PDB file of N, CA and C in Angstrom:
ATOM      1  N   MET A   1      26.174  46.327 112.675  1.00  0.00           N
ATOM      2  CA  MET A   1      25.451  46.435 111.353  1.00  0.00           C
ATOM      3  C   MET A   1      25.789  45.127 110.631  1.00  0.00           C
ATOM      4  N   SER A   2      24.903  44.749 109.845  1.00  0.00           N
ATOM      5  CA  SER A   2      24.952  43.578 109.101  1.00  0.00           C
ATOM      6  C   SER A   2      25.506  43.707 107.751  1.00  0.00           C
ATOM      7  N   GLY A   3      26.498  42.791 107.356  1.00  0.00           N
ATOM      8  CA  GLY A   3      26.985  42.796 105.960  1.00  0.00           C
ATOM      9  C   GLY A   3      25.972  42.093 104.965  1.00  0.00           C
ATOM     10  N   LYS A   4      24.761  41.815 105.397  1.00  0.00           N
ATOM     11  CA  LYS A   4      23.884  41.214 104.565  1.00  0.00           C
ATOM     12  C   LYS A   4      22.913  42.153 103.866  1.00  0.00           C
ATOM     13  N   ASN A   5      22.897  43.490 104.328  1.00  0.00           N
ATOM     14  CA  ASN A   5      22.195  44.526 103.666  1.00  0.00           C
ATOM     15  C   ASN A   5      23.022  45.475 102.978  1.00  0.00           C
ATOM     16  N   ARG A   6      22.718  45.621 101.685  1.00  0.00           N
ATOM     17  CA  ARG A   6      23.516  46.529 100.696  1.00  0.00           C
ATOM     18  C   ARG A   6      23.436  47.915 101.211  1.00  0.00           C
ATOM     19  N   SER A   7      22.325  48.394 101.825  1.00  0.00           N
ATOM     20  CA  SER A   7      22.333  49.746 102.238  1.00  0.00           C
ATOM     21  C   SER A   7      23.319  50.173 103.379  1.00  0.00           C
ATOM     22  N   ASN A   8      23.852  49.049 104.062  1.00  0.00           N
ATOM     23  CA  ASN A   8      24.953  49.383 105.048  1.00  0.00           C
ATOM     24  C   ASN A   8      26.263  49.443 104.495  1.00  0.00           C
ATOM     25  N   ILE A   9      26.457  49.194 103.310  1.00  0.00           N
ATOM     26  CA  ILE A   9      27.759  49.129 102.683  1.00  0.00           C
ATOM     27  C   ILE A   9      28.009  50.171 101.596  1.00  0.00           C
ATOM     28  N   HIS A  10      29.124  50.802 101.588  1.00  0.00           N
ATOM     29  CA  HIS A  10      29.391  51.820 100.686  1.00  0.00           C
ATOM     30  C   HIS A  10      30.972  51.932 100.403  1.00  0.00           C
ATOM     31  N   VAL A  11      31.295  52.463  99.242  1.00  0.00           N
ATOM     32  CA  VAL A  11      32.718  52.522  98.831  1.00  0.00           C
ATOM     33  C   VAL A  11      33.453  53.323  99.896  1.00  0.00           C
ATOM     34  N   GLY A  12      34.610  52.764 100.127  1.00  0.00           N
ATOM     35  CA  GLY A  12      35.523  53.405 101.242  1.00  0.00           C
ATOM     36  C   GLY A  12      35.399  52.898 102.613  1.00  0.00           C
ATOM     37  N   LEU A  13      34.376  51.956 102.853  1.00  0.00           N
ATOM     38  CA  LEU A  13      34.155  51.331 104.079  1.00  0.00           C
ATOM     39  C   LEU A  13      35.147  50.271 104.437  1.00  0.00           C
ATOM     40  N   ASP A  14      35.635  50.295 105.661  1.00  0.00           N
ATOM     41  CA  ASP A  14      36.477  49.145 106.187  1.00  0.00           C
ATOM     42  C   ASP A  14      35.647  47.981 106.567  1.00  0.00           C
ATOM     43  N   VAL A  15      36.026  46.802 105.996  1.00  0.00           N
ATOM     44  CA  VAL A  15      35.181  45.617 106.263  1.00  0.00           C
ATOM     45  C   VAL A  15      36.171  44.396 106.301  1.00  0.00           C
ATOM     46  N   GLN A  16      35.543  43.284 106.765  1.00  0.00           N
ATOM     47  CA  GLN A  16      36.216  42.027 106.779  1.00  0.00           C
ATOM     48  C   GLN A  16      35.339  41.188 105.878  1.00  0.00           C
ATOM     49  N   ILE A  17      35.964  40.374 104.897  1.00  0.00           N
ATOM     50  CA  ILE A  17      35.178  39.611 103.916  1.00  0.00           C
ATOM     51  C   ILE A  17      35.665  38.126 104.096  1.00  0.00           C
ATOM     52  N   VAL A  18      34.918  37.231 103.613  1.00  0.00           N
ATOM     53  CA  VAL A  18      35.406  35.813 103.399  1.00  0.00           C
ATOM     54  C   VAL A  18      35.535  35.543 101.983  1.00  0.00           C
ATOM     55  N   LEU A  19      36.687  35.181 101.529  1.00  0.00           N
ATOM     56  CA  LEU A  19      36.955  34.836 100.162  1.00  0.00           C
ATOM     57  C   LEU A  19      36.457  33.492  99.836  1.00  0.00           C
ATOM     58  N   LYS A  20      36.181  33.277  98.491  1.00  0.00           N
ATOM     59  CA  LYS A  20      35.602  32.021  98.049  1.00  0.00           C
ATOM     60  C   LYS A  20      36.346  30.755  98.500  1.00  0.00           C
ATOM     61  N   GLN A  21      37.699  30.877  98.523  1.00  0.00           N
ATOM     62  CA  GLN A  21      38.541  29.683  98.896  1.00  0.00           C
ATOM     63  C   GLN A  21      38.518  29.505 100.318  1.00  0.00           C
ATOM     64  N   ASP A  22      38.170  30.562 101.134  1.00  0.00           N
ATOM     65  CA  ASP A  22      38.151  30.487 102.581  1.00  0.00           C
ATOM     66  C   ASP A  22      36.783  30.296 103.213  1.00  0.00           C
ATOM     67  N   GLN A  23      35.833  29.905 102.409  1.00  0.00           N
ATOM     68  CA  GLN A  23      34.384  29.790 102.816  1.00  0.00           C
ATOM     69  C   GLN A  23      34.371  28.659 103.842  1.00  0.00           C
ATOM     70  N   ARG A  24      34.969  27.520 103.622  1.00  0.00           N
ATOM     71  CA  ARG A  24      34.958  26.409 104.538  1.00  0.00           C
ATOM     72  C   ARG A  24      35.543  26.691 105.889  1.00  0.00           C
ATOM     73  N   SER A  25      36.808  27.372 105.897  1.00  0.00           N
ATOM     74  CA  SER A  25      37.361  27.685 107.105  1.00  0.00           C
ATOM     75  C   SER A  25      36.853  28.851 107.799  1.00  0.00           C
ATOM     76  N   GLY A  26      36.250  29.858 107.033  1.00  0.00           N
ATOM     77  CA  GLY A  26      35.689  30.959 107.638  1.00  0.00           C
ATOM     78  C   GLY A  26      36.780  32.110 107.886  1.00  0.00           C
ATOM     79  N   LYS A  27      37.977  31.906 107.371  1.00  0.00           N
ATOM     80  CA  LYS A  27      38.948  32.926 107.516  1.00  0.00           C
ATOM     81  C   LYS A  27      38.623  34.286 106.867  1.00  0.00           C
ATOM     82  N   LEU A  28      38.791  35.230 107.646  1.00  0.00           N
ATOM     83  CA  LEU A  28      38.397  36.600 107.198  1.00  0.00           C
ATOM     84  C   LEU A  28      39.565  37.408 106.700  1.00  0.00           C
ATOM     85  N   THR A  29      39.344  38.327 105.684  1.00  0.00           N
ATOM     86  CA  THR A  29      40.334  39.132 105.033  1.00  0.00           C
ATOM     87  C   THR A  29      39.885  40.661 105.286  1.00  0.00           C
ATOM     88  N   ALA A  30      40.632  41.395 105.748  1.00  0.00           N
ATOM     89  CA  ALA A  30      40.382  42.894 106.029  1.00  0.00           C
ATOM     90  C   ALA A  30      40.677  43.674 104.840  1.00  0.00           C
ATOM     91  N   GLY A  31      39.984  44.749 104.583  1.00  0.00           N
ATOM     92  CA  GLY A  31      40.223  45.706 103.440  1.00  0.00           C
ATOM     93  C   GLY A  31      39.213  46.806 103.392  1.00  0.00           C
ATOM     94  N   THR A  32      39.379  47.591 102.370  1.00  0.00           N
ATOM     95  CA  THR A  32      38.515  48.702 102.143  1.00  0.00           C
ATOM     96  C   THR A  32      37.625  48.456 100.792  1.00  0.00           C
ATOM     97  N   VAL A  33      36.411  48.676 100.824  1.00  0.00           N
ATOM     98  CA  VAL A  33      35.497  48.450  99.721  1.00  0.00           C
ATOM     99  C   VAL A  33      35.846  49.306  98.589  1.00  0.00           C
ATOM    100  N   GLU A  34      36.144  48.825  97.365  1.00  0.00           N
ATOM    101  CA  GLU A  34      36.396  49.516  96.160  1.00  0.00           C
ATOM    102  C   GLU A  34      35.156  49.632  95.296  1.00  0.00           C
ATOM    103  N   LYS A  35      34.413  48.414  95.309  1.00  0.00           N
ATOM    104  CA  LYS A  35      33.213  48.299  94.496  1.00  0.00           C
ATOM    105  C   LYS A  35      32.090  47.331  95.083  1.00  0.00           C
ATOM    106  N   ILE A  36      30.933  47.652  95.039  1.00  0.00           N
ATOM    107  CA  ILE A  36      29.850  46.701  95.430  1.00  0.00           C
ATOM    108  C   ILE A  36      29.392  45.907  94.216  1.00  0.00           C
ATOM    109  N   LEU A  37      29.342  44.508  94.367  1.00  0.00           N
ATOM    110  CA  LEU A  37      29.226  43.645  93.230  1.00  0.00           C
ATOM    111  C   LEU A  37      27.767  43.071  93.261  1.00  0.00           C
ATOM    112  N   THR A  38      27.163  42.969  94.483  1.00  0.00           N
ATOM    113  CA  THR A  38      25.896  42.430  94.565  1.00  0.00           C
ATOM    114  C   THR A  38      24.791  43.487  94.260  1.00  0.00           C
ATOM    115  N   ASN A  39      23.917  43.287  93.289  1.00  0.00           N
ATOM    116  CA  ASN A  39      22.876  44.290  92.958  1.00  0.00           C
ATOM    117  C   ASN A  39      21.676  44.179  93.800  1.00  0.00           C
ATOM    118  N   SER A  40      21.306  43.083  94.385  1.00  0.00           N
ATOM    119  CA  SER A  40      20.125  42.961  95.169  1.00  0.00           C
ATOM    120  C   SER A  40      20.267  43.597  96.595  1.00  0.00           C
ATOM    121  N   PRO A  41      19.164  44.089  97.195  1.00  0.00           N
ATOM    122  CA  PRO A  41      19.208  44.854  98.391  1.00  0.00           C
ATOM    123  C   PRO A  41      19.804  44.001  99.581  1.00  0.00           C
ATOM    124  N   THR A  42      19.574  42.705  99.549  1.00  0.00           N
ATOM    125  CA  THR A  42      20.059  41.862 100.642  1.00  0.00           C
ATOM    126  C   THR A  42      20.556  40.520  99.962  1.00  0.00           C
ATOM    127  N   HIS A  43      21.333  39.934 100.799  1.00  0.00           N
ATOM    128  CA  HIS A  43      21.855  38.478 100.412  1.00  0.00           C
ATOM    129  C   HIS A  43      22.086  37.747 101.706  1.00  0.00           C
ATOM    130  N   PRO A  44      21.698  36.541 101.828  1.00  0.00           N
ATOM    131  CA  PRO A  44      21.720  35.686 102.991  1.00  0.00           C
ATOM    132  C   PRO A  44      23.152  35.393 103.478  1.00  0.00           C
ATOM    133  N   HIS A  45      24.163  35.434 102.515  1.00  0.00           N
ATOM    134  CA  HIS A  45      25.547  35.177 102.839  1.00  0.00           C
ATOM    135  C   HIS A  45      26.463  36.286 103.016  1.00  0.00           C
ATOM    136  N   GLY A  46      25.846  37.484 102.772  1.00  0.00           N
ATOM    137  CA  GLY A  46      26.636  38.758 102.745  1.00  0.00           C
ATOM    138  C   GLY A  46      26.792  39.303 101.366  1.00  0.00           C
ATOM    139  N   ILE A  47      26.857  40.661 101.315  1.00  0.00           N
ATOM    140  CA  ILE A  47      26.935  41.334 100.116  1.00  0.00           C
ATOM    141  C   ILE A  47      28.336  41.162  99.484  1.00  0.00           C
ATOM    142  N   LYS A  48      28.506  40.852  98.206  1.00  0.00           N
ATOM    143  CA  LYS A  48      29.716  40.644  97.509  1.00  0.00           C
ATOM    144  C   LYS A  48      30.362  41.865  97.129  1.00  0.00           C
ATOM    145  N   VAL A  49      31.649  42.139  97.519  1.00  0.00           N
ATOM    146  CA  VAL A  49      32.366  43.376  97.230  1.00  0.00           C
ATOM    147  C   VAL A  49      33.813  42.940  96.721  1.00  0.00           C
ATOM    148  N   ARG A  50      34.375  44.091  96.007  1.00  0.00           N
ATOM    149  CA  ARG A  50      35.706  44.055  95.700  1.00  0.00           C
ATOM    150  C   ARG A  50      36.438  44.940  96.535  1.00  0.00           C
ATOM    151  N   LEU A  51      37.606  44.593  97.193  1.00  0.00           N
ATOM    152  CA  LEU A  51      38.467  45.361  98.006  1.00  0.00           C
ATOM    153  C   LEU A  51      39.324  46.120  97.148  1.00  0.00           C
ATOM    154  N   THR A  52      40.115  47.135  97.663  1.00  0.00           N
ATOM    155  CA  THR A  52      41.011  47.891  96.947  1.00  0.00           C
ATOM    156  C   THR A  52      42.320  47.094  96.582  1.00  0.00           C
ATOM    157  N   THR A  53      42.500  45.941  97.318  1.00  0.00           N
ATOM    158  CA  THR A  53      43.475  44.992  96.977  1.00  0.00           C
ATOM    159  C   THR A  53      43.179  44.145  95.818  1.00  0.00           C
ATOM    160  N   GLY A  54      41.989  44.044  95.408  1.00  0.00           N
ATOM    161  CA  GLY A  54      41.407  43.291  94.296  1.00  0.00           C
ATOM    162  C   GLY A  54      40.825  41.959  94.682  1.00  0.00           C
ATOM    163  N   ASP A  55      40.782  41.725  96.006  1.00  0.00           N
ATOM    164  CA  ASP A  55      40.120  40.552  96.551  1.00  0.00           C
ATOM    165  C   ASP A  55      38.588  40.699  96.384  1.00  0.00           C
ATOM    166  N   VAL A  56      37.982  39.651  96.126  1.00  0.00           N
ATOM    167  CA  VAL A  56      36.548  39.648  96.003  1.00  0.00           C
ATOM    168  C   VAL A  56      35.911  38.635  97.014  1.00  0.00           C
ATOM    169  N   GLY A  57      34.943  38.992  97.809  1.00  0.00           N
ATOM    170  CA  GLY A  57      34.315  38.129  98.768  1.00  0.00           C
ATOM    171  C   GLY A  57      33.024  38.737  99.293  1.00  0.00           C
ATOM    172  N   ARG A  58      32.393  38.060 100.270  1.00  0.00           N
ATOM    173  CA  ARG A  58      31.163  38.458 100.834  1.00  0.00           C
ATOM    174  C   ARG A  58      31.440  39.074 102.270  1.00  0.00           C
ATOM    175  N   VAL A  59      30.841  40.209 102.552  1.00  0.00           N
ATOM    176  CA  VAL A  59      31.156  40.944 103.745  1.00  0.00           C
ATOM    177  C   VAL A  59      30.505  40.227 104.912  1.00  0.00           C
ATOM    178  N   LYS A  60      31.392  39.961 105.934  1.00  0.00           N
ATOM    179  CA  LYS A  60      31.011  39.382 107.173  1.00  0.00           C
ATOM    180  C   LYS A  60      30.957  40.347 108.375  1.00  0.00           C
ATOM    181  N   VAL A  61      31.898  41.276 108.366  1.00  0.00           N
ATOM    182  CA  VAL A  61      32.069  42.236 109.427  1.00  0.00           C
ATOM    183  C   VAL A  61      32.225  43.629 108.884  1.00  0.00           C
ATOM    184  N   ILE A  62      31.495  44.587 109.418  1.00  0.00           N
ATOM    185  CA  ILE A  62      31.769  45.931 109.068  1.00  0.00           C
ATOM    186  C   ILE A  62      32.525  46.616 110.177  1.00  0.00           C
ATOM    187  N   VAL A  63      33.841  46.949 109.804  1.00  0.00           N
ATOM    188  CA  VAL A  63      34.750  47.413 110.940  1.00  0.00           C
ATOM    189  C   VAL A  63      34.413  48.859 111.306  1.00  0.00           C
ATOM    190  N   SER A  64      34.262  49.765 110.309  1.00  0.00           N
ATOM    191  CA  SER A  64      34.072  51.226 110.548  1.00  0.00           C
ATOM    192  C   SER A  64      33.209  51.722 109.594  1.00  0.00           C
ATOM    193  N   GLU A  65      32.598  52.867 109.862  1.00  0.00           N
ATOM    194  CA  GLU A  65      31.707  53.564 108.881  1.00  0.00           C
ATOM    195  C   GLU A  65      32.471  54.636 108.209  1.00  0.00           C
TER     196      GLU A  65
END
């Protein structure tokens, strides 16, 4: 499933995101979605979310439903 479609993402989902400071390296951060921050139905770089840890980034990998 793609992290570029908002319909694939919901609160409580385990995902891997790329943080703003890690965009060049592509380093992924794992966590659970606390809030979806992107309002549009799709985004070419991934839907922006806030994890339960407080980290904010764009979804690159959906780990589990």
